[in-house]
Amino acid sequence: MKMKMPVRMVDVARRAGVSVSTVGLVLNNAGSGSRRVGKETANKVRRIAEELNYTPNLAAQQLIKNKSAIIGVLMDPRPSEENSIRLSEIESRARELGYHLLVMHEQPRPEHVRECINELLGRGIDGLICVHHVYPHQPAMVAKLVSAHIGNVIFYLY
């Protein structure tokens, strides 16, 4: 079975008969700056993007903006109603601010915490929230591991 390639801005541009930069201006709502796109053209681009089921390539946007809009969350692996409520509240606030969460549940082994942090950093997170840890020395270890890569780390210990 052949996999279908995702629709790219260039595909929308070809179908609409406009430049890729015009598509970018329209789909990123940036057309009100120094370069304007006519209403008719903008509507045509949006319609074609919808017909083609265009979705933005978040990895490409991350490369261009040097920002992922992803906050890593490192959580205690023990299931609890309190952790579910905390995670829901964190996610709600993050979405309000235009961020998404990438949640990892640490296991009670220091090497697994390091693996989780490396995975989160490899995904280009913009910040890290650590919610309760099994070992008391973990905040210092986590801070040491991430401080060279990101400056936004929050520890929520209860």
C-alpha atoms as a PDB file:
ATOM      1  CA  MET A   1       0.000   0.000   0.000  1.00  0.00           C
ATOM      2  CA  LYS A   2       1.444   3.333  -1.079  1.00  0.00           C
ATOM      3  CA  MET A   3       1.458   6.107   1.522  1.00  0.00           C
ATOM      4  CA  LYS A   4       0.046   9.437   0.474  1.00  0.00           C
ATOM      5  CA  MET A   5       2.432  12.361   0.823  1.00  0.00           C
ATOM      6  CA  PRO A   6       1.293  15.263   2.986  1.00  0.00           C
ATOM      7  CA  VAL A   7       0.051  18.368   1.219  1.00  0.00           C
ATOM      8  CA  ARG A   8       2.653  21.134   1.230  1.00  0.00           C
ATOM      9  CA  MET A   9       2.364  24.894   0.764  1.00  0.00           C
ATOM     10  CA  VAL A  10       3.833  24.484  -2.714  1.00  0.00           C
ATOM     11  CA  ASP A  11       0.926  22.183  -3.615  1.00  0.00           C
ATOM     12  CA  VAL A  12      -1.589  24.786  -2.478  1.00  0.00           C
ATOM     13  CA  ALA A  13       0.328  27.504  -4.359  1.00  0.00           C
ATOM     14  CA  ARG A  14       0.348  25.527  -7.620  1.00  0.00           C
ATOM     15  CA  ARG A  15      -3.362  24.805  -7.441  1.00  0.00           C
ATOM     16  CA  ALA A  16      -4.174  28.445  -6.572  1.00  0.00           C
ATOM     17  CA  GLY A  17      -1.797  29.874  -9.180  1.00  0.00           C
ATOM     18  CA  VAL A  18       0.050  32.008  -6.628  1.00  0.00           C
ATOM     19  CA  SER A  19       3.488  32.010  -5.031  1.00  0.00           C
ATOM     20  CA  VAL A  20       4.414  29.949  -1.992  1.00  0.00           C
ATOM     21  CA  SER A  21       5.080  33.177  -0.087  1.00  0.00           C
ATOM     22  CA  THR A  22       1.511  34.316  -0.807  1.00  0.00           C
ATOM     23  CA  VAL A  23       0.188  31.022   0.571  1.00  0.00           C
ATOM     24  CA  GLY A  24       2.394  31.472   3.636  1.00  0.00           C
ATOM     25  CA  LEU A  25       1.119  34.992   4.207  1.00  0.00           C
ATOM     26  CA  VAL A  26      -2.497  33.858   3.946  1.00  0.00           C
ATOM     27  CA  LEU A  27      -2.264  30.665   5.984  1.00  0.00           C
ATOM     28  CA  ASN A  28      -0.104  32.233   8.680  1.00  0.00           C
ATOM     29  CA  ASN A  29      -2.387  35.292   8.880  1.00  0.00           C
ATOM     30  CA  ALA A  30       0.543  37.535   8.057  1.00  0.00           C
ATOM     31  CA  GLY A  31      -0.980  39.297   5.061  1.00  0.00           C
ATOM     32  CA  SER A  32      -1.795  42.454   6.967  1.00  0.00           C
ATOM     33  CA  GLY A  33       1.858  43.536   7.195  1.00  0.00           C
ATOM     34  CA  SER A  34       3.858  45.362   4.556  1.00  0.00           C
ATOM     35  CA  ARG A  35       2.729  42.959   1.841  1.00  0.00           C
ATOM     36  CA  ARG A  36      -0.994  42.542   1.432  1.00  0.00           C
ATOM     37  CA  VAL A  37      -2.910  39.788  -0.254  1.00  0.00           C
ATOM     38  CA  GLY A  38      -6.193  40.627  -1.888  1.00  0.00           C
ATOM     39  CA  LYS A  39      -9.337  39.323  -0.247  1.00  0.00           C
ATOM     40  CA  GLU A  40     -10.325  37.263  -3.290  1.00  0.00           C
ATOM     41  CA  THR A  41      -6.874  35.652  -3.522  1.00  0.00           C
ATOM     42  CA  ALA A  42      -6.771  34.981   0.216  1.00  0.00           C
ATOM     43  CA  ASN A  43     -10.196  33.324   0.101  1.00  0.00           C
ATOM     44  CA  LYS A  44      -9.116  31.204  -2.870  1.00  0.00           C
ATOM     45  CA  VAL A  45      -5.950  30.063  -1.062  1.00  0.00           C
ATOM     46  CA  ARG A  46      -7.904  29.164   2.101  1.00  0.00           C
ATOM     47  CA  ARG A  47     -10.528  27.275   0.085  1.00  0.00           C
ATOM     48  CA  ILE A  48      -7.908  25.267  -1.824  1.00  0.00           C
ATOM     49  CA  ALA A  49      -5.947  24.548   1.370  1.00  0.00           C
ATOM     50  CA  GLU A  50      -9.133  23.189   2.920  1.00  0.00           C
ATOM     51  CA  GLU A  51      -9.988  21.133  -0.183  1.00  0.00           C
ATOM     52  CA  LEU A  52      -6.511  19.596  -0.143  1.00  0.00           C
ATOM     53  CA  ASN A  53      -6.659  19.009   3.634  1.00  0.00           C
ATOM     54  CA  TYR A  54      -3.512  21.062   4.132  1.00  0.00           C
ATOM     55  CA  THR A  55      -2.094  21.000   7.651  1.00  0.00           C
ATOM     56  CA  PRO A  56       0.946  23.024   8.659  1.00  0.00           C
ATOM     57  CA  ASN A  57       4.227  21.174   9.010  1.00  0.00           C
ATOM     58  CA  LEU A  58       5.061  21.870  12.653  1.00  0.00           C
ATOM     59  CA  ALA A  59       8.631  20.617  12.279  1.00  0.00           C
ATOM     60  CA  ALA A  60       9.253  23.090   9.444  1.00  0.00           C
ATOM     61  CA  GLN A  61       7.733  25.913  11.478  1.00  0.00           C
ATOM     62  CA  GLN A  62       9.954  24.963  14.392  1.00  0.00           C
ATOM     63  CA  LEU A  63      13.044  25.223  12.180  1.00  0.00           C
ATOM     64  CA  ILE A  64      12.019  28.607  10.811  1.00  0.00           C
ATOM     65  CA  LYS A  65      10.941  30.146  14.115  1.00  0.00           C
ATOM     66  CA  ASN A  66      13.528  28.375  16.291  1.00  0.00           C
ATOM     67  CA  LYS A  67      10.655  27.723  18.673  1.00  0.00           C
ATOM     68  CA  SER A  68       8.624  24.553  19.063  1.00  0.00           C
ATOM     69  CA  ALA A  69       5.712  25.815  21.183  1.00  0.00           C
ATOM     70  CA  ILE A  70       6.117  22.550  23.103  1.00  0.00           C
ATOM     71  CA  ILE A  71       6.500  22.342  26.852  1.00  0.00           C
ATOM     72  CA  GLY A  72       7.898  19.110  28.203  1.00  0.00           C
ATOM     73  CA  VAL A  73       6.307  17.672  31.308  1.00  0.00           C
ATOM     74  CA  LEU A  74       8.183  15.115  33.368  1.00  0.00           C
ATOM     75  CA  MET A  75       5.803  13.415  35.766  1.00  0.00           C
ATOM     76  CA  ASP A  76       5.816  10.909  38.558  1.00  0.00           C
ATOM     77  CA  PRO A  77       4.720   7.579  37.047  1.00  0.00           C
ATOM     78  CA  ARG A  78       2.344   6.717  39.872  1.00  0.00           C
ATOM     79  CA  PRO A  79      -1.218   7.244  38.702  1.00  0.00           C
ATOM     80  CA  SER A  80      -3.223   9.543  40.907  1.00  0.00           C
ATOM     81  CA  GLU A  81      -6.267  11.718  40.592  1.00  0.00           C
ATOM     82  CA  GLU A  82      -4.194  14.704  41.753  1.00  0.00           C
ATOM     83  CA  ASN A  83      -1.666  14.224  38.939  1.00  0.00           C
ATOM     84  CA  SER A  84      -4.471  13.914  36.382  1.00  0.00           C
ATOM     85  CA  ILE A  85      -6.006  17.152  37.620  1.00  0.00           C
ATOM     86  CA  ARG A  86      -2.621  18.928  37.633  1.00  0.00           C
ATOM     87  CA  LEU A  87      -1.849  17.751  34.110  1.00  0.00           C
ATOM     88  CA  SER A  88      -5.259  18.863  32.863  1.00  0.00           C
ATOM     89  CA  GLU A  89      -4.777  22.323  34.398  1.00  0.00           C
ATOM     90  CA  ILE A  90      -1.269  22.645  32.980  1.00  0.00           C
ATOM     91  CA  GLU A  91      -2.485  21.635  29.526  1.00  0.00           C
ATOM     92  CA  SER A  92      -5.408  24.045  29.635  1.00  0.00           C
ATOM     93  CA  ARG A  93      -3.178  26.993  30.535  1.00  0.00           C
ATOM     94  CA  ALA A  94      -0.520  25.965  28.008  1.00  0.00           C
ATOM     95  CA  ARG A  95      -3.116  25.899  25.200  1.00  0.00           C
ATOM     96  CA  GLU A  96      -4.332  29.357  26.206  1.00  0.00           C
ATOM     97  CA  LEU A  97      -0.761  30.551  25.701  1.00  0.00           C
ATOM     98  CA  GLY A  98      -0.331  28.724  22.368  1.00  0.00           C
ATOM     99  CA  TYR A  99       1.700  25.784  23.653  1.00  0.00           C
ATOM    100  CA  HIS A 100       1.306  22.015  23.508  1.00  0.00           C
ATOM    101  CA  LEU A 101       2.541  19.474  26.021  1.00  0.00           C
ATOM    102  CA  LEU A 102       4.788  16.492  25.581  1.00  0.00           C
ATOM    103  CA  VAL A 103       4.386  14.339  28.688  1.00  0.00           C
ATOM    104  CA  MET A 104       6.821  11.695  29.851  1.00  0.00           C
ATOM    105  CA  HIS A 105       6.416   9.567  32.936  1.00  0.00           C
ATOM    106  CA  GLU A 106       9.723   8.935  34.612  1.00  0.00           C
ATOM    107  CA  GLN A 107      10.489   5.585  36.127  1.00  0.00           C
ATOM    108  CA  PRO A 108      12.147   5.412  39.546  1.00  0.00           C
ATOM    109  CA  ARG A 109      15.637   5.053  38.083  1.00  0.00           C
ATOM    110  CA  PRO A 110      18.024   7.989  37.593  1.00  0.00           C
ATOM    111  CA  GLU A 111      19.124   6.680  34.165  1.00  0.00           C
ATOM    112  CA  HIS A 112      15.505   6.690  32.980  1.00  0.00           C
ATOM    113  CA  VAL A 113      15.112  10.309  34.085  1.00  0.00           C
ATOM    114  CA  ARG A 114      18.155  11.156  31.947  1.00  0.00           C
ATOM    115  CA  GLU A 115      16.655   9.269  28.981  1.00  0.00           C
ATOM    116  CA  CYS A 116      13.371  11.175  29.359  1.00  0.00           C
ATOM    117  CA  ILE A 117      15.151  14.518  29.520  1.00  0.00           C
ATOM    118  CA  ASN A 118      17.275  13.698  26.475  1.00  0.00           C
ATOM    119  CA  GLU A 119      14.126  12.707  24.565  1.00  0.00           C
ATOM    120  CA  LEU A 120      12.376  15.954  25.529  1.00  0.00           C
ATOM    121  CA  LEU A 121      15.401  18.072  24.624  1.00  0.00           C
ATOM    122  CA  GLY A 122      15.712  16.205  21.331  1.00  0.00           C
ATOM    123  CA  ARG A 123      12.136  17.218  20.539  1.00  0.00           C
ATOM    124  CA  GLY A 124      13.129  20.879  20.918  1.00  0.00           C
ATOM    125  CA  ILE A 125      11.001  21.759  23.929  1.00  0.00           C
ATOM    126  CA  ASP A 126      10.801  25.435  24.864  1.00  0.00           C
ATOM    127  CA  GLY A 127      10.400  24.723  28.574  1.00  0.00           C
ATOM    128  CA  LEU A 128      10.151  21.927  31.103  1.00  0.00           C
ATOM    129  CA  ILE A 129       7.762  21.344  33.986  1.00  0.00           C
ATOM    130  CA  CYS A 130       8.751  18.691  36.494  1.00  0.00           C
ATOM    131  CA  VAL A 131       5.849  17.419  38.572  1.00  0.00           C
ATOM    132  CA  HIS A 132       6.939  15.534  41.705  1.00  0.00           C
ATOM    133  CA  HIS A 133       9.785  13.101  41.572  1.00  0.00           C
ATOM    134  CA  VAL A 134      10.432   9.831  43.305  1.00  0.00           C
ATOM    135  CA  TYR A 135      13.993  10.666  44.349  1.00  0.00           C
ATOM    136  CA  PRO A 136      14.702  13.824  46.380  1.00  0.00           C
ATOM    137  CA  HIS A 137      17.931  14.625  44.469  1.00  0.00           C
ATOM    138  CA  GLN A 138      16.218  14.745  41.058  1.00  0.00           C
ATOM    139  CA  PRO A 139      15.522  18.502  40.877  1.00  0.00           C
ATOM    140  CA  ALA A 140      19.263  19.232  41.029  1.00  0.00           C
ATOM    141  CA  MET A 141      20.034  16.512  38.476  1.00  0.00           C
ATOM    142  CA  VAL A 142      17.276  17.683  36.126  1.00  0.00           C
ATOM    143  CA  ALA A 143      18.356  21.326  36.417  1.00  0.00           C
ATOM    144  CA  LYS A 144      21.953  20.358  35.637  1.00  0.00           C
ATOM    145  CA  LEU A 145      20.936  18.284  32.593  1.00  0.00           C
ATOM    146  CA  VAL A 146      18.696  20.912  31.003  1.00  0.00           C
ATOM    147  CA  SER A 147      20.317  24.214  32.018  1.00  0.00           C
ATOM    148  CA  ALA A 148      22.690  24.251  29.028  1.00  0.00           C
ATOM    149  CA  HIS A 149      19.786  23.773  26.599  1.00  0.00           C
ATOM    150  CA  ILE A 150      16.769  25.664  27.917  1.00  0.00           C
ATOM    151  CA  GLY A 151      16.292  28.270  30.607  1.00  0.00           C
ATOM    152  CA  ASN A 152      12.680  27.641  31.467  1.00  0.00           C
ATOM    153  CA  VAL A 153      12.337  24.900  34.079  1.00  0.00           C
ATOM    154  CA  ILE A 154       9.623  24.720  36.712  1.00  0.00           C
ATOM    155  CA  PHE A 155       9.610  22.230  39.569  1.00  0.00           C
ATOM    156  CA  TYR A 156       6.230  21.450  41.086  1.00  0.00           C
ATOM    157  CA  LEU A 157       6.907  19.442  44.202  1.00  0.00           C
ATOM    158  CA  TYR A 158       4.131  18.540  46.571  1.00  0.00           C
END
